[in-house]
Amino acid sequence: MNAEIKPITYPKDDEWRGPGVSAAIFRNGEHGPEVLILKMGTGRYEGKYCLPGDFLRMNEGGEQKAADVIKEQTGLTVSFIGQVDAETRPGRDILQTVGVNFFAEDSGTTELRAGGTAVEARWVPVAEVPKLEFFHNRVVQQALPKLEEHNAQRERVRAAFGFVEAHMPDSRALKVK
């Protein structure tokens, strides 16, 4: 049987609604960890809450796109810690079924403000996160143990360097830049 091979056609950039990226951004609040949420101001999600995120366009990388959209929607510069997951969920959104979710920490160097499609950006204690769109509550919950492990590892490294500095006076050569 001789099947005809059909050429692949790609959508125009303004039609592309492929994979999306989002990020759970954390900081240490007065009463424990807080996560940044946005209230959307346009379209079918107007008035609903979510994490910062957007669609990837052709030739965009996930982490860089996440950093760009975080800056646009919140004004923040963040330090990425890692990827929470990559999910394939039909029904995630009517325009997409693939999402890549990251987690990050607020660098503390810029001021929070809402921008882009967000009309509100605010820090919420993790225990008080409202219902979020796009399965984002699950992203926050999956990121928390990873954040805790990251923070524990950071403390282990600090303790190790403290021990070295206390017991090896000439340890300045071992400082990490």
C-alpha atoms as a PDB file:
ATOM      1  CA  MET A   1       0.000   0.000   0.000  1.00  0.00           C
ATOM      2  CA  ASN A   2       1.370   3.362  -1.011  1.00  0.00           C
ATOM      3  CA  ALA A   3       0.239   5.992   1.513  1.00  0.00           C
ATOM      4  CA  GLU A   4       0.535   9.611   0.565  1.00  0.00           C
ATOM      5  CA  ILE A   5       2.845  11.567   2.859  1.00  0.00           C
ATOM      6  CA  LYS A   6       1.320  14.860   3.873  1.00  0.00           C
ATOM      7  CA  PRO A   7       3.639  17.804   4.531  1.00  0.00           C
ATOM      8  CA  ILE A   8       3.742  19.219   8.044  1.00  0.00           C
ATOM      9  CA  THR A   9       2.240  22.678   8.331  1.00  0.00           C
ATOM     10  CA  TYR A  10       2.991  24.925  11.259  1.00  0.00           C
ATOM     11  CA  PRO A  11       0.632  27.573  12.643  1.00  0.00           C
ATOM     12  CA  LYS A  12       1.464  31.239  12.311  1.00  0.00           C
ATOM     13  CA  ASP A  13       3.061  32.696  15.439  1.00  0.00           C
ATOM     14  CA  ASP A  14      -0.114  34.589  16.401  1.00  0.00           C
ATOM     15  CA  GLU A  15      -2.104  31.328  16.151  1.00  0.00           C
ATOM     16  CA  TRP A  16       0.362  29.192  18.105  1.00  0.00           C
ATOM     17  CA  ARG A  17      -1.105  28.039  21.379  1.00  0.00           C
ATOM     18  CA  GLY A  18       1.249  25.254  22.232  1.00  0.00           C
ATOM     19  CA  PRO A  19       2.934  24.495  25.524  1.00  0.00           C
ATOM     20  CA  GLY A  20       2.534  26.890  28.381  1.00  0.00           C
ATOM     21  CA  VAL A  21       4.899  27.794  31.208  1.00  0.00           C
ATOM     22  CA  SER A  22       4.089  28.833  34.743  1.00  0.00           C
ATOM     23  CA  ALA A  23       6.049  29.396  37.928  1.00  0.00           C
ATOM     24  CA  ALA A  24       5.304  29.104  41.618  1.00  0.00           C
ATOM     25  CA  ILE A  25       7.351  31.912  43.182  1.00  0.00           C
ATOM     26  CA  PHE A  26       8.017  31.688  46.894  1.00  0.00           C
ATOM     27  CA  ARG A  27       9.408  33.912  49.615  1.00  0.00           C
ATOM     28  CA  ASN A  28       9.770  33.650  53.365  1.00  0.00           C
ATOM     29  CA  GLY A  29       6.865  35.535  54.869  1.00  0.00           C
ATOM     30  CA  GLU A  30       6.270  36.696  58.401  1.00  0.00           C
ATOM     31  CA  HIS A  31       4.434  33.454  59.255  1.00  0.00           C
ATOM     32  CA  GLY A  32       6.100  30.974  56.906  1.00  0.00           C
ATOM     33  CA  PRO A  33       6.379  30.468  53.166  1.00  0.00           C
ATOM     34  CA  GLU A  34       4.301  32.611  50.851  1.00  0.00           C
ATOM     35  CA  VAL A  35       3.517  32.142  47.175  1.00  0.00           C
ATOM     36  CA  LEU A  36       2.838  34.834  44.598  1.00  0.00           C
ATOM     37  CA  ILE A  37      -0.571  34.774  42.919  1.00  0.00           C
ATOM     38  CA  LEU A  38      -2.080  36.935  40.204  1.00  0.00           C
ATOM     39  CA  LYS A  39      -5.634  38.099  39.584  1.00  0.00           C
ATOM     40  CA  MET A  40      -6.273  38.201  35.861  1.00  0.00           C
ATOM     41  CA  GLY A  41      -7.908  41.257  34.332  1.00  0.00           C
ATOM     42  CA  THR A  42      -8.832  40.257  30.797  1.00  0.00           C
ATOM     43  CA  GLY A  43     -10.512  37.555  28.773  1.00  0.00           C
ATOM     44  CA  ARG A  44     -12.337  34.482  29.995  1.00  0.00           C
ATOM     45  CA  TYR A  45     -10.166  34.333  33.141  1.00  0.00           C
ATOM     46  CA  GLU A  46     -10.968  37.890  34.261  1.00  0.00           C
ATOM     47  CA  GLY A  47     -11.217  38.030  38.057  1.00  0.00           C
ATOM     48  CA  LYS A  48      -9.694  34.560  38.511  1.00  0.00           C
ATOM     49  CA  TYR A  49      -6.410  33.709  40.219  1.00  0.00           C
ATOM     50  CA  CYS A  50      -3.404  31.854  38.862  1.00  0.00           C
ATOM     51  CA  LEU A  51       0.377  31.690  38.961  1.00  0.00           C
ATOM     52  CA  PRO A  52       2.424  33.806  36.547  1.00  0.00           C
ATOM     53  CA  GLY A  53       2.591  32.152  33.150  1.00  0.00           C
ATOM     54  CA  ASP A  54       2.030  32.324  29.424  1.00  0.00           C
ATOM     55  CA  PHE A  55       2.196  30.355  26.201  1.00  0.00           C
ATOM     56  CA  LEU A  56       5.466  29.529  24.526  1.00  0.00           C
ATOM     57  CA  ARG A  57       5.845  30.775  20.993  1.00  0.00           C
ATOM     58  CA  MET A  58       7.969  29.140  18.355  1.00  0.00           C
ATOM     59  CA  ASN A  59      11.691  29.320  19.187  1.00  0.00           C
ATOM     60  CA  GLU A  60      11.228  30.302  22.865  1.00  0.00           C
ATOM     61  CA  GLY A  61      12.777  28.405  25.768  1.00  0.00           C
ATOM     62  CA  GLY A  62      10.692  27.561  28.829  1.00  0.00           C
ATOM     63  CA  GLU A  63      12.777  29.033  31.648  1.00  0.00           C
ATOM     64  CA  GLN A  64      13.565  32.242  29.747  1.00  0.00           C
ATOM     65  CA  LYS A  65       9.893  32.675  28.799  1.00  0.00           C
ATOM     66  CA  ALA A  66       8.897  32.141  32.429  1.00  0.00           C
ATOM     67  CA  ALA A  67      11.428  34.780  33.559  1.00  0.00           C
ATOM     68  CA  ASP A  68      10.166  37.240  30.937  1.00  0.00           C
ATOM     69  CA  VAL A  69       6.492  36.777  31.803  1.00  0.00           C
ATOM     70  CA  ILE A  70       7.208  36.990  35.548  1.00  0.00           C
ATOM     71  CA  LYS A  71       8.952  40.326  34.951  1.00  0.00           C
ATOM     72  CA  GLU A  72       6.042  41.532  32.787  1.00  0.00           C
ATOM     73  CA  GLN A  73       3.222  40.388  35.086  1.00  0.00           C
ATOM     74  CA  THR A  74       4.829  41.137  38.470  1.00  0.00           C
ATOM     75  CA  GLY A  75       7.871  43.388  38.038  1.00  0.00           C
ATOM     76  CA  LEU A  76       9.970  40.807  39.926  1.00  0.00           C
ATOM     77  CA  THR A  77      13.332  39.334  39.148  1.00  0.00           C
ATOM     78  CA  VAL A  78      13.490  35.781  40.488  1.00  0.00           C
ATOM     79  CA  SER A  79      16.022  33.033  41.056  1.00  0.00           C
ATOM     80  CA  PHE A  80      14.869  29.802  39.467  1.00  0.00           C
ATOM     81  CA  ILE A  81      15.333  26.717  41.598  1.00  0.00           C
ATOM     82  CA  GLY A  82      14.062  24.054  39.270  1.00  0.00           C
ATOM     83  CA  GLN A  83      11.264  22.466  37.321  1.00  0.00           C
ATOM     84  CA  VAL A  84       8.235  21.170  39.200  1.00  0.00           C
ATOM     85  CA  ASP A  85       6.982  19.045  36.334  1.00  0.00           C
ATOM     86  CA  ALA A  86       5.990  18.884  32.705  1.00  0.00           C
ATOM     87  CA  GLU A  87       2.377  17.894  32.401  1.00  0.00           C
ATOM     88  CA  THR A  88       0.238  16.677  29.563  1.00  0.00           C
ATOM     89  CA  ARG A  89      -3.369  17.107  30.566  1.00  0.00           C
ATOM     90  CA  PRO A  90      -6.154  17.342  28.061  1.00  0.00           C
ATOM     91  CA  GLY A  91      -8.574  19.864  29.484  1.00  0.00           C
ATOM     92  CA  ARG A  92      -5.858  21.902  31.231  1.00  0.00           C
ATOM     93  CA  ASP A  93      -7.037  24.828  29.163  1.00  0.00           C
ATOM     94  CA  ILE A  94      -9.101  25.008  25.999  1.00  0.00           C
ATOM     95  CA  LEU A  95      -6.062  26.227  24.077  1.00  0.00           C
ATOM     96  CA  GLN A  96      -3.369  23.848  25.320  1.00  0.00           C
ATOM     97  CA  THR A  97      -2.706  20.458  26.834  1.00  0.00           C
ATOM     98  CA  VAL A  98       0.993  20.723  27.741  1.00  0.00           C
ATOM     99  CA  GLY A  99       2.453  22.803  30.547  1.00  0.00           C
ATOM    100  CA  VAL A 100       5.934  23.135  32.020  1.00  0.00           C
ATOM    101  CA  ASN A 101       5.916  24.364  35.606  1.00  0.00           C
ATOM    102  CA  PHE A 102       8.870  25.880  37.436  1.00  0.00           C
ATOM    103  CA  PHE A 103       9.489  27.080  40.964  1.00  0.00           C
ATOM    104  CA  ALA A 104      11.562  30.047  42.004  1.00  0.00           C
ATOM    105  CA  GLU A 105      12.401  32.395  44.847  1.00  0.00           C
ATOM    106  CA  ASP A 106      11.886  36.134  44.900  1.00  0.00           C
ATOM    107  CA  SER A 107      15.313  37.753  44.684  1.00  0.00           C
ATOM    108  CA  GLY A 108      14.134  40.626  46.881  1.00  0.00           C
ATOM    109  CA  THR A 109      15.735  43.149  44.550  1.00  0.00           C
ATOM    110  CA  THR A 110      12.639  44.483  42.784  1.00  0.00           C
ATOM    111  CA  GLU A 111       9.233  45.756  43.867  1.00  0.00           C
ATOM    112  CA  LEU A 112       6.049  43.754  43.282  1.00  0.00           C
ATOM    113  CA  ARG A 113       3.506  45.290  40.922  1.00  0.00           C
ATOM    114  CA  ALA A 114       0.791  43.921  38.633  1.00  0.00           C
ATOM    115  CA  GLY A 115       1.334  44.226  34.883  1.00  0.00           C
ATOM    116  CA  GLY A 116       0.506  42.654  31.553  1.00  0.00           C
ATOM    117  CA  THR A 117      -2.767  40.736  31.824  1.00  0.00           C
ATOM    118  CA  ALA A 118      -2.676  40.782  35.651  1.00  0.00           C
ATOM    119  CA  VAL A 119      -4.589  43.454  37.588  1.00  0.00           C
ATOM    120  CA  GLU A 120      -3.381  42.277  40.992  1.00  0.00           C
ATOM    121  CA  ALA A 121      -0.225  40.570  42.222  1.00  0.00           C
ATOM    122  CA  ARG A 122       0.079  39.601  45.873  1.00  0.00           C
ATOM    123  CA  TRP A 123       1.849  37.297  48.291  1.00  0.00           C
ATOM    124  CA  VAL A 124      -0.339  34.723  50.023  1.00  0.00           C
ATOM    125  CA  PRO A 125       0.621  32.350  52.846  1.00  0.00           C
ATOM    126  CA  VAL A 126       0.816  28.859  51.365  1.00  0.00           C
ATOM    127  CA  ALA A 127      -1.915  27.644  53.729  1.00  0.00           C
ATOM    128  CA  GLU A 128      -4.301  30.346  52.424  1.00  0.00           C
ATOM    129  CA  VAL A 129      -3.938  29.947  48.647  1.00  0.00           C
ATOM    130  CA  PRO A 130      -7.370  30.331  47.000  1.00  0.00           C
ATOM    131  CA  LYS A 131      -8.585  28.213  44.089  1.00  0.00           C
ATOM    132  CA  LEU A 132      -6.211  28.781  41.181  1.00  0.00           C
ATOM    133  CA  GLU A 133      -6.857  28.172  37.492  1.00  0.00           C
ATOM    134  CA  PHE A 134      -4.893  25.724  35.279  1.00  0.00           C
ATOM    135  CA  PHE A 135      -4.266  23.127  38.022  1.00  0.00           C
ATOM    136  CA  HIS A 136      -1.939  25.675  39.652  1.00  0.00           C
ATOM    137  CA  ASN A 137      -2.917  24.609  43.194  1.00  0.00           C
ATOM    138  CA  ARG A 138      -1.351  21.238  42.352  1.00  0.00           C
ATOM    139  CA  VAL A 139       1.789  22.989  41.082  1.00  0.00           C
ATOM    140  CA  VAL A 140       2.151  24.869  44.395  1.00  0.00           C
ATOM    141  CA  GLN A 141       1.672  21.649  46.396  1.00  0.00           C
ATOM    142  CA  GLN A 142       4.198  19.733  44.291  1.00  0.00           C
ATOM    143  CA  ALA A 143       6.740  22.556  44.504  1.00  0.00           C
ATOM    144  CA  LEU A 144       6.643  22.827  48.317  1.00  0.00           C
ATOM    145  CA  PRO A 145       8.623  19.644  49.163  1.00  0.00           C
ATOM    146  CA  LYS A 146      11.129  20.553  46.451  1.00  0.00           C
ATOM    147  CA  LEU A 147      11.496  24.023  47.964  1.00  0.00           C
ATOM    148  CA  GLU A 148      11.989  22.510  51.437  1.00  0.00           C
ATOM    149  CA  GLU A 149      14.702  20.182  50.109  1.00  0.00           C
ATOM    150  CA  HIS A 150      16.376  23.097  48.317  1.00  0.00           C
ATOM    151  CA  ASN A 151      16.392  25.144  51.539  1.00  0.00           C
ATOM    152  CA  ALA A 152      17.722  22.186  53.566  1.00  0.00           C
ATOM    153  CA  GLN A 153      20.520  21.676  51.029  1.00  0.00           C
ATOM    154  CA  ARG A 154      21.380  25.380  51.184  1.00  0.00           C
ATOM    155  CA  GLU A 155      21.661  25.148  54.993  1.00  0.00           C
ATOM    156  CA  ARG A 156      23.893  22.055  54.736  1.00  0.00           C
ATOM    157  CA  VAL A 157      26.223  23.929  52.398  1.00  0.00           C
ATOM    158  CA  ARG A 158      26.308  26.977  54.688  1.00  0.00           C
ATOM    159  CA  ALA A 159      27.067  24.738  57.677  1.00  0.00           C
ATOM    160  CA  ALA A 160      29.868  22.996  55.795  1.00  0.00           C
ATOM    161  CA  PHE A 161      31.482  26.292  54.816  1.00  0.00           C
ATOM    162  CA  GLY A 162      31.070  27.573  58.377  1.00  0.00           C
ATOM    163  CA  PHE A 163      32.868  24.491  59.699  1.00  0.00           C
ATOM    164  CA  VAL A 164      35.684  24.942  57.196  1.00  0.00           C
ATOM    165  CA  GLU A 165      36.103  28.626  58.041  1.00  0.00           C
ATOM    166  CA  ALA A 166      36.117  27.887  61.791  1.00  0.00           C
ATOM    167  CA  HIS A 167      38.647  25.042  61.596  1.00  0.00           C
ATOM    168  CA  MET A 168      40.852  26.048  58.698  1.00  0.00           C
ATOM    169  CA  PRO A 169      42.041  29.666  59.059  1.00  0.00           C
ATOM    170  CA  ASP A 170      43.480  29.686  55.546  1.00  0.00           C
ATOM    171  CA  SER A 171      40.205  28.538  54.021  1.00  0.00           C
ATOM    172  CA  ARG A 172      39.605  31.787  52.163  1.00  0.00           C
ATOM    173  CA  ALA A 173      40.892  30.080  49.028  1.00  0.00           C
ATOM    174  CA  LEU A 174      37.882  27.740  49.230  1.00  0.00           C
ATOM    175  CA  LYS A 175      35.293  30.520  49.034  1.00  0.00           C
ATOM    176  CA  VAL A 176      32.708  30.004  46.343  1.00  0.00           C
ATOM    177  CA  LYS A 177      32.271  32.992  44.065  1.00  0.00           C
END
